[in-house]
Amino acid sequence: MAQRPASSGGSTGARSTLPSGYDDPKAQFDKRAALETKKIKELLNAVEKGRAQLESERKVYCEELKKHLIAYCADETIGTSSYITSI
């Protein structure tokens, strides 16, 4: 294999740009980091939304239901003797 002749420009430093066809690794990393950060934020939002929904359901079924059952049992018209005999 033949070697390339040294450039006549006298520059011995490394080239600052990558050859065409290659992407900058830092730019690729930054894109990937931004994409993964976006996915994590979306997942966090979905988890928070699910947590809020579960908390509201817990409140309805555990706290509100108890209050309504107490009010239902305290109602005088429900516990009449004709109602009890019909049951």
PDB file of N, CA and C in Angstrom:
ATOM      1  N   MET A   1       0.830  -1.166   0.000  1.00  0.00           N
ATOM      2  CA  MET A   1       0.000   0.000   0.000  1.00  0.00           C
ATOM      3  C   MET A   1       0.882   1.238   0.000  1.00  0.00           C
ATOM      4  N   ALA A   2       0.501   2.192  -0.769  1.00  0.00           N
ATOM      5  CA  ALA A   2       1.291   3.415  -0.858  1.00  0.00           C
ATOM      6  C   ALA A   2       0.873   4.379   0.228  1.00  0.00           C
ATOM      7  N   GLN A   3       1.852   5.084   0.764  1.00  0.00           N
ATOM      8  CA  GLN A   3       1.566   6.071   1.791  1.00  0.00           C
ATOM      9  C   GLN A   3       1.276   7.402   1.136  1.00  0.00           C
ATOM     10  N   ARG A   4       0.488   8.193   1.818  1.00  0.00           N
ATOM     11  CA  ARG A   4       0.164   9.513   1.298  1.00  0.00           C
ATOM     12  C   ARG A   4       1.339  10.444   1.553  1.00  0.00           C
ATOM     13  N   PRO A   5       1.566  11.312   0.645  1.00  0.00           N
ATOM     14  CA  PRO A   5       2.635  12.281   0.875  1.00  0.00           C
ATOM     15  C   PRO A   5       2.198  13.304   1.916  1.00  0.00           C
ATOM     16  N   ALA A   6       3.134  13.814   2.661  1.00  0.00           N
ATOM     17  CA  ALA A   6       2.837  14.818   3.673  1.00  0.00           C
ATOM     18  C   ALA A   6       2.310  16.066   3.000  1.00  0.00           C
ATOM     19  N   SER A   7       1.395  16.747   3.691  1.00  0.00           N
ATOM     20  CA  SER A   7       0.823  17.944   3.096  1.00  0.00           C
ATOM     21  C   SER A   7       1.871  19.037   3.043  1.00  0.00           C
ATOM     22  N   SER A   8       1.777  19.833   2.032  1.00  0.00           N
ATOM     23  CA  SER A   8       2.766  20.885   1.850  1.00  0.00           C
ATOM     24  C   SER A   8       2.402  22.144   2.608  1.00  0.00           C
ATOM     25  N   GLY A   9       1.293  22.130   3.327  1.00  0.00           N
ATOM     26  CA  GLY A   9       0.858  23.295   4.073  1.00  0.00           C
ATOM     27  C   GLY A   9       1.672  23.523   5.329  1.00  0.00           C
ATOM     28  N   GLY A  10       2.424  22.532   5.781  1.00  0.00           N
ATOM     29  CA  GLY A  10       3.239  22.682   6.955  1.00  0.00           C
ATOM     30  C   GLY A  10       2.465  22.503   8.249  1.00  0.00           C
ATOM     31  N   SER A  11       1.218  22.153   8.179  1.00  0.00           N
ATOM     32  CA  SER A  11       0.393  21.974   9.375  1.00  0.00           C
ATOM     33  C   SER A  11       0.605  20.564   9.908  1.00  0.00           C
ATOM     34  N   THR A  12       1.065  20.454  11.152  1.00  0.00           N
ATOM     35  CA  THR A  12       1.288  19.139  11.742  1.00  0.00           C
ATOM     36  C   THR A  12       0.218  18.788  12.763  1.00  0.00           C
ATOM     37  N   GLY A  13      -0.708  19.704  13.065  1.00  0.00           N
ATOM     38  CA  GLY A  13      -1.773  19.469  14.053  1.00  0.00           C
ATOM     39  C   GLY A  13      -2.866  18.584  13.491  1.00  0.00           C
ATOM     40  N   ALA A  14      -3.676  18.017  14.396  1.00  0.00           N
ATOM     41  CA  ALA A  14      -4.784  17.160  13.976  1.00  0.00           C
ATOM     42  C   ALA A  14      -5.876  18.014  13.357  1.00  0.00           C
ATOM     43  N   ARG A  15      -6.602  17.396  12.464  1.00  0.00           N
ATOM     44  CA  ARG A  15      -7.704  18.115  11.831  1.00  0.00           C
ATOM     45  C   ARG A  15      -8.809  18.340  12.844  1.00  0.00           C
ATOM     46  N   SER A  16      -9.409  19.513  12.822  1.00  0.00           N
ATOM     47  CA  SER A  16     -10.430  19.863  13.804  1.00  0.00           C
ATOM     48  C   SER A  16     -11.812  19.344  13.407  1.00  0.00           C
ATOM     49  N   THR A  17     -11.995  18.965  12.182  1.00  0.00           N
ATOM     50  CA  THR A  17     -13.296  18.452  11.756  1.00  0.00           C
ATOM     51  C   THR A  17     -13.156  16.994  11.384  1.00  0.00           C
ATOM     52  N   LEU A  18     -14.232  16.272  11.556  1.00  0.00           N
ATOM     53  CA  LEU A  18     -14.237  14.865  11.202  1.00  0.00           C
ATOM     54  C   LEU A  18     -14.449  14.720   9.704  1.00  0.00           C
ATOM     55  N   PRO A  19     -13.975  13.623   9.158  1.00  0.00           N
ATOM     56  CA  PRO A  19     -14.199  13.400   7.727  1.00  0.00           C
ATOM     57  C   PRO A  19     -15.694  13.339   7.416  1.00  0.00           C
ATOM     58  N   SER A  20     -16.042  13.663   6.190  1.00  0.00           N
ATOM     59  CA  SER A  20     -17.456  13.623   5.821  1.00  0.00           C
ATOM     60  C   SER A  20     -17.998  12.204   5.961  1.00  0.00           C
ATOM     61  N   GLY A  21     -19.259  12.109   6.333  1.00  0.00           N
ATOM     62  CA  GLY A  21     -19.860  10.790   6.531  1.00  0.00           C
ATOM     63  C   GLY A  21     -19.888  10.394   7.996  1.00  0.00           C
ATOM     64  N   TYR A  22     -19.219  11.112   8.848  1.00  0.00           N
ATOM     65  CA  TYR A  22     -19.202  10.824  10.275  1.00  0.00           C
ATOM     66  C   TYR A  22     -19.871  11.967  11.023  1.00  0.00           C
ATOM     67  N   ASP A  23     -20.644  11.605  12.028  1.00  0.00           N
ATOM     68  CA  ASP A  23     -21.285  12.623  12.859  1.00  0.00           C
ATOM     69  C   ASP A  23     -20.411  12.907  14.068  1.00  0.00           C
ATOM     70  N   ASP A  24     -20.565  14.076  14.576  1.00  0.00           N
ATOM     71  CA  ASP A  24     -19.825  14.467  15.769  1.00  0.00           C
ATOM     72  C   ASP A  24     -20.339  13.653  16.958  1.00  0.00           C
ATOM     73  N   PRO A  25     -19.480  12.916  17.668  1.00  0.00           N
ATOM     74  CA  PRO A  25     -19.945  12.095  18.792  1.00  0.00           C
ATOM     75  C   PRO A  25     -20.603  12.918  19.902  1.00  0.00           C
ATOM     76  N   LYS A  26     -20.108  14.117  20.155  1.00  0.00           N
ATOM     77  CA  LYS A  26     -20.709  14.960  21.193  1.00  0.00           C
ATOM     78  C   LYS A  26     -22.127  15.359  20.797  1.00  0.00           C
ATOM     79  N   ALA A  27     -22.324  15.695  19.536  1.00  0.00           N
ATOM     80  CA  ALA A  27     -23.661  16.069  19.068  1.00  0.00           C
ATOM     81  C   ALA A  27     -24.612  14.872  19.165  1.00  0.00           C
ATOM     82  N   GLN A  28     -24.115  13.680  18.818  1.00  0.00           N
ATOM     83  CA  GLN A  28     -24.941  12.479  18.936  1.00  0.00           C
ATOM     84  C   GLN A  28     -25.317  12.230  20.396  1.00  0.00           C
ATOM     85  N   PHE A  29     -24.340  12.392  21.284  1.00  0.00           N
ATOM     86  CA  PHE A  29     -24.602  12.187  22.701  1.00  0.00           C
ATOM     87  C   PHE A  29     -25.619  13.203  23.217  1.00  0.00           C
ATOM     88  N   ASP A  30     -25.474  14.451  22.818  1.00  0.00           N
ATOM     89  CA  ASP A  30     -26.404  15.494  23.256  1.00  0.00           C
ATOM     90  C   ASP A  30     -27.822  15.210  22.772  1.00  0.00           C
ATOM     91  N   LYS A  31     -27.952  14.741  21.517  1.00  0.00           N
ATOM     92  CA  LYS A  31     -29.276  14.393  20.982  1.00  0.00           C
ATOM     93  C   LYS A  31     -29.878  13.246  21.780  1.00  0.00           C
ATOM     94  N   ARG A  32     -29.065  12.220  22.031  1.00  0.00           N
ATOM     95  CA  ARG A  32     -29.548  11.044  22.766  1.00  0.00           C
ATOM     96  C   ARG A  32     -29.934  11.424  24.192  1.00  0.00           C
ATOM     97  N   ALA A  33     -29.111  12.249  24.846  1.00  0.00           N
ATOM     98  CA  ALA A  33     -29.409  12.680  26.214  1.00  0.00           C
ATOM     99  C   ALA A  33     -30.711  13.479  26.258  1.00  0.00           C
ATOM    100  N   ALA A  34     -30.926  14.344  25.288  1.00  0.00           N
ATOM    101  CA  ALA A  34     -32.156  15.130  25.242  1.00  0.00           C
ATOM    102  C   ALA A  34     -33.364  14.226  25.018  1.00  0.00           C
ATOM    103  N   LEU A  35     -33.235  13.238  24.135  1.00  0.00           N
ATOM    104  CA  LEU A  35     -34.327  12.309  23.862  1.00  0.00           C
ATOM    105  C   LEU A  35     -34.665  11.478  25.096  1.00  0.00           C
ATOM    106  N   GLU A  36     -33.642  10.952  25.765  1.00  0.00           N
ATOM    107  CA  GLU A  36     -33.878  10.133  26.956  1.00  0.00           C
ATOM    108  C   GLU A  36     -34.445  10.976  28.095  1.00  0.00           C
ATOM    109  N   THR A  37     -34.005  12.204  28.223  1.00  0.00           N
ATOM    110  CA  THR A  37     -34.543  13.103  29.246  1.00  0.00           C
ATOM    111  C   THR A  37     -36.021  13.367  28.994  1.00  0.00           C
ATOM    112  N   LYS A  38     -36.380  13.562  27.727  1.00  0.00           N
ATOM    113  CA  LYS A  38     -37.782  13.792  27.372  1.00  0.00           C
ATOM    114  C   LYS A  38     -38.627  12.566  27.711  1.00  0.00           C
ATOM    115  N   LYS A  39     -38.110  11.370  27.406  1.00  0.00           N
ATOM    116  CA  LYS A  39     -38.843  10.144  27.711  1.00  0.00           C
ATOM    117  C   LYS A  39     -39.038   9.982  29.216  1.00  0.00           C
ATOM    118  N   ILE A  40     -38.004  10.288  29.992  1.00  0.00           N
ATOM    119  CA  ILE A  40     -38.100  10.157  31.442  1.00  0.00           C
ATOM    120  C   ILE A  40     -39.121  11.139  32.008  1.00  0.00           C
ATOM    121  N   LYS A  41     -39.133  12.355  31.485  1.00  0.00           N
ATOM    122  CA  LYS A  41     -40.105  13.342  31.961  1.00  0.00           C
ATOM    123  C   LYS A  41     -41.526  12.916  31.626  1.00  0.00           C
ATOM    124  N   GLU A  42     -41.736  12.352  30.436  1.00  0.00           N
ATOM    125  CA  GLU A  42     -43.062  11.865  30.057  1.00  0.00           C
ATOM    126  C   GLU A  42     -43.497  10.727  30.968  1.00  0.00           C
ATOM    127  N   LEU A  43     -42.561   9.825  31.281  1.00  0.00           N
ATOM    128  CA  LEU A  43     -42.869   8.713  32.166  1.00  0.00           C
ATOM    129  C   LEU A  43     -43.186   9.210  33.571  1.00  0.00           C
ATOM    130  N   LEU A  44     -42.439  10.169  34.048  1.00  0.00           N
ATOM    131  CA  LEU A  44     -42.694  10.749  35.365  1.00  0.00           C
ATOM    132  C   LEU A  44     -44.065  11.413  35.414  1.00  0.00           C
ATOM    133  N   ASN A  45     -44.436  12.125  34.366  1.00  0.00           N
ATOM    134  CA  ASN A  45     -45.760  12.751  34.302  1.00  0.00           C
ATOM    135  C   ASN A  45     -46.872  11.705  34.314  1.00  0.00           C
ATOM    136  N   ALA A  46     -46.660  10.597  33.592  1.00  0.00           N
ATOM    137  CA  ALA A  46     -47.661   9.534  33.565  1.00  0.00           C
ATOM    138  C   ALA A  46     -47.803   8.887  34.938  1.00  0.00           C
ATOM    139  N   VAL A  47     -46.692   8.679  35.634  1.00  0.00           N
ATOM    140  CA  VAL A  47     -46.742   8.093  36.975  1.00  0.00           C
ATOM    141  C   VAL A  47     -47.456   9.036  37.938  1.00  0.00           C
ATOM    142  N   GLU A  48     -47.155  10.310  37.867  1.00  0.00           N
ATOM    143  CA  GLU A  48     -47.815  11.284  38.741  1.00  0.00           C
ATOM    144  C   GLU A  48     -49.313  11.351  38.457  1.00  0.00           C
ATOM    145  N   LYS A  49     -49.685  11.276  37.184  1.00  0.00           N
ATOM    146  CA  LYS A  49     -51.100  11.293  36.821  1.00  0.00           C
ATOM    147  C   LYS A  49     -51.811  10.057  37.379  1.00  0.00           C
ATOM    148  N   GLY A  50     -51.171   8.896  37.254  1.00  0.00           N
ATOM    149  CA  GLY A  50     -51.737   7.662  37.804  1.00  0.00           C
ATOM    150  C   GLY A  50     -51.852   7.716  39.318  1.00  0.00           C
ATOM    151  N   ARG A  51     -50.840   8.274  39.976  1.00  0.00           N
ATOM    152  CA  ARG A  51     -50.860   8.401  41.433  1.00  0.00           C
ATOM    153  C   ARG A  51     -52.011   9.316  41.877  1.00  0.00           C
ATOM    154  N   ALA A  52     -52.198  10.413  41.180  1.00  0.00           N
ATOM    155  CA  ALA A  52     -53.278  11.338  41.518  1.00  0.00           C
ATOM    156  C   ALA A  52     -54.638  10.676  41.317  1.00  0.00           C
ATOM    157  N   GLN A  53     -54.780   9.894  40.253  1.00  0.00           N
ATOM    158  CA  GLN A  53     -56.045   9.202  39.995  1.00  0.00           C
ATOM    159  C   GLN A  53     -56.316   8.159  41.078  1.00  0.00           C
ATOM    160  N   LEU A  54     -55.298   7.403  41.473  1.00  0.00           N
ATOM    161  CA  LEU A  54     -55.481   6.415  42.536  1.00  0.00           C
ATOM    162  C   LEU A  54     -55.841   7.072  43.862  1.00  0.00           C
ATOM    163  N   GLU A  55     -55.226   8.200  44.151  1.00  0.00           N
ATOM    164  CA  GLU A  55     -55.527   8.909  45.391  1.00  0.00           C
ATOM    165  C   GLU A  55     -56.968   9.408  45.391  1.00  0.00           C
ATOM    166  N   SER A  56     -57.436   9.918  44.250  1.00  0.00           N
ATOM    167  CA  SER A  56     -58.831  10.384  44.195  1.00  0.00           C
ATOM    168  C   SER A  56     -59.804   9.216  44.324  1.00  0.00           C
ATOM    169  N   GLU A  57     -59.485   8.073  43.719  1.00  0.00           N
ATOM    170  CA  GLU A  57     -60.349   6.900  43.854  1.00  0.00           C
ATOM    171  C   GLU A  57     -60.349   6.389  45.289  1.00  0.00           C
ATOM    172  N   ARG A  58     -59.190   6.399  45.939  1.00  0.00           N
ATOM    173  CA  ARG A  58     -59.114   5.968  47.332  1.00  0.00           C
ATOM    174  C   ARG A  58     -59.972   6.865  48.217  1.00  0.00           C
ATOM    175  N   LYS A  59     -59.919   8.148  47.945  1.00  0.00           N
ATOM    176  CA  LYS A  59     -60.706   9.089  48.736  1.00  0.00           C
ATOM    177  C   LYS A  59     -62.195   8.820  48.545  1.00  0.00           C
ATOM    178  N   VAL A  60     -62.600   8.596  47.313  1.00  0.00           N
ATOM    179  CA  VAL A  60     -64.022   8.356  47.035  1.00  0.00           C
ATOM    180  C   VAL A  60     -64.489   7.063  47.694  1.00  0.00           C
ATOM    181  N   TYR A  61     -63.721   5.987  47.530  1.00  0.00           N
ATOM    182  CA  TYR A  61     -64.174   4.689  48.020  1.00  0.00           C
ATOM    183  C   TYR A  61     -63.972   4.504  49.521  1.00  0.00           C
ATOM    184  N   CYS A  62     -62.979   5.137  50.105  1.00  0.00           N
ATOM    185  CA  CYS A  62     -62.694   4.919  51.521  1.00  0.00           C
ATOM    186  C   CYS A  62     -63.283   5.992  52.425  1.00  0.00           C
ATOM    187  N   GLU A  63     -63.232   7.224  52.016  1.00  0.00           N
ATOM    188  CA  GLU A  63     -63.683   8.310  52.891  1.00  0.00           C
ATOM    189  C   GLU A  63     -65.122   8.721  52.580  1.00  0.00           C
ATOM    190  N   GLU A  64     -65.409   9.008  51.342  1.00  0.00           N
ATOM    191  CA  GLU A  64     -66.743   9.473  50.964  1.00  0.00           C
ATOM    192  C   GLU A  64     -67.785   8.375  51.143  1.00  0.00           C
ATOM    193  N   LEU A  65     -67.435   7.137  50.805  1.00  0.00           N
ATOM    194  CA  LEU A  65     -68.384   6.033  50.956  1.00  0.00           C
ATOM    195  C   LEU A  65     -68.755   5.851  52.422  1.00  0.00           C
ATOM    196  N   LYS A  66     -67.780   5.960  53.303  1.00  0.00           N
ATOM    197  CA  LYS A  66     -68.046   5.820  54.734  1.00  0.00           C
ATOM    198  C   LYS A  66     -69.016   6.904  55.216  1.00  0.00           C
ATOM    199  N   LYS A  67     -68.785   8.138  54.790  1.00  0.00           N
ATOM    200  CA  LYS A  67     -69.672   9.238  55.177  1.00  0.00           C
ATOM    201  C   LYS A  67     -71.097   8.990  54.673  1.00  0.00           C
ATOM    202  N   HIS A  68     -71.216   8.544  53.433  1.00  0.00           N
ATOM    203  CA  HIS A  68     -72.539   8.316  52.850  1.00  0.00           C
ATOM    204  C   HIS A  68     -73.239   7.125  53.498  1.00  0.00           C
ATOM    205  N   LEU A  69     -72.493   6.095  53.885  1.00  0.00           N
ATOM    206  CA  LEU A  69     -73.109   4.959  54.566  1.00  0.00           C
ATOM    207  C   LEU A  69     -73.630   5.362  55.938  1.00  0.00           C
ATOM    208  N   ILE A  70     -72.876   6.189  56.642  1.00  0.00           N
ATOM    209  CA  ILE A  70     -73.339   6.674  57.953  1.00  0.00           C
ATOM    210  C   ILE A  70     -74.606   7.495  57.781  1.00  0.00           C
ATOM    211  N   ALA A  71     -74.635   8.364  56.789  1.00  0.00           N
ATOM    212  CA  ALA A  71     -75.833   9.170  56.532  1.00  0.00           C
ATOM    213  C   ALA A  71     -77.004   8.279  56.128  1.00  0.00           C
ATOM    214  N   TYR A  72     -76.744   7.225  55.358  1.00  0.00           N
ATOM    215  CA  TYR A  72     -77.786   6.295  54.918  1.00  0.00           C
ATOM    216  C   TYR A  72     -78.371   5.543  56.111  1.00  0.00           C
ATOM    217  N   CYS A  73     -77.491   5.086  56.992  1.00  0.00           N
ATOM    218  CA  CYS A  73     -77.953   4.331  58.161  1.00  0.00           C
ATOM    219  C   CYS A  73     -78.702   5.217  59.140  1.00  0.00           C
ATOM    220  N   ALA A  74     -78.376   6.493  59.194  1.00  0.00           N
ATOM    221  CA  ALA A  74     -79.029   7.414  60.127  1.00  0.00           C
ATOM    222  C   ALA A  74     -80.405   7.853  59.644  1.00  0.00           C
ATOM    223  N   ASP A  75     -80.710   7.584  58.391  1.00  0.00           N
ATOM    224  CA  ASP A  75     -81.997   8.009  57.839  1.00  0.00           C
ATOM    225  C   ASP A  75     -83.120   7.182  58.469  1.00  0.00           C
ATOM    226  N   GLU A  76     -84.066   7.859  59.059  1.00  0.00           N
ATOM    227  CA  GLU A  76     -85.175   7.210  59.778  1.00  0.00           C
ATOM    228  C   GLU A  76     -86.131   6.492  58.825  1.00  0.00           C
ATOM    229  N   THR A  77     -86.306   6.988  57.627  1.00  0.00           N
ATOM    230  CA  THR A  77     -87.299   6.409  56.713  1.00  0.00           C
ATOM    231  C   THR A  77     -86.852   5.055  56.173  1.00  0.00           C
ATOM    232  N   ILE A  78     -85.606   4.780  56.230  1.00  0.00           N
ATOM    233  CA  ILE A  78     -85.122   3.506  55.684  1.00  0.00           C
ATOM    234  C   ILE A  78     -85.395   2.367  56.655  1.00  0.00           C
ATOM    235  N   GLY A  79     -85.250   2.614  57.925  1.00  0.00           N
ATOM    236  CA  GLY A  79     -85.382   1.548  58.921  1.00  0.00           C
ATOM    237  C   GLY A  79     -86.781   1.359  59.463  1.00  0.00           C
ATOM    238  N   THR A  80     -87.815   1.622  58.708  1.00  0.00           N
ATOM    239  CA  THR A  80     -89.187   1.428  59.181  1.00  0.00           C
ATOM    240  C   THR A  80     -89.496  -0.060  59.284  1.00  0.00           C
ATOM    241  N   SER A  81     -90.508  -0.383  60.054  1.00  0.00           N
ATOM    242  CA  SER A  81     -90.843  -1.792  60.266  1.00  0.00           C
ATOM    243  C   SER A  81     -91.346  -2.443  58.977  1.00  0.00           C
ATOM    244  N   SER A  82     -92.085  -1.696  58.143  1.00  0.00           N
ATOM    245  CA  SER A  82     -92.559  -2.289  56.885  1.00  0.00           C
ATOM    246  C   SER A  82     -91.397  -2.577  55.947  1.00  0.00           C
ATOM    247  N   TYR A  83     -90.382  -1.740  55.990  1.00  0.00           N
ATOM    248  CA  TYR A  83     -89.189  -1.966  55.160  1.00  0.00           C
ATOM    249  C   TYR A  83     -88.445  -3.201  55.648  1.00  0.00           C
ATOM    250  N   ILE A  84     -88.323  -3.332  56.967  1.00  0.00           N
ATOM    251  CA  ILE A  84     -87.604  -4.462  57.543  1.00  0.00           C
ATOM    252  C   ILE A  84     -88.361  -5.763  57.223  1.00  0.00           C
ATOM    253  N   THR A  85     -89.676  -5.761  57.323  1.00  0.00           N
ATOM    254  CA  THR A  85     -90.447  -6.964  57.024  1.00  0.00           C
ATOM    255  C   THR A  85     -90.415  -7.299  55.554  1.00  0.00           C
ATOM    256  N   SER A  86     -90.330  -6.298  54.700  1.00  0.00           N
ATOM    257  CA  SER A  86     -90.277  -6.580  53.267  1.00  0.00           C
ATOM    258  C   SER A  86     -88.924  -7.187  52.852  1.00  0.00           C
ATOM    259  N   ILE A  87     -87.907  -6.860  53.623  1.00  0.00           N
ATOM    260  CA  ILE A  87     -86.586  -7.433  53.330  1.00  0.00           C
ATOM    261  C   ILE A  87     -86.570  -8.856  53.788  1.00  0.00           C
TER     262      ILE A  87
END
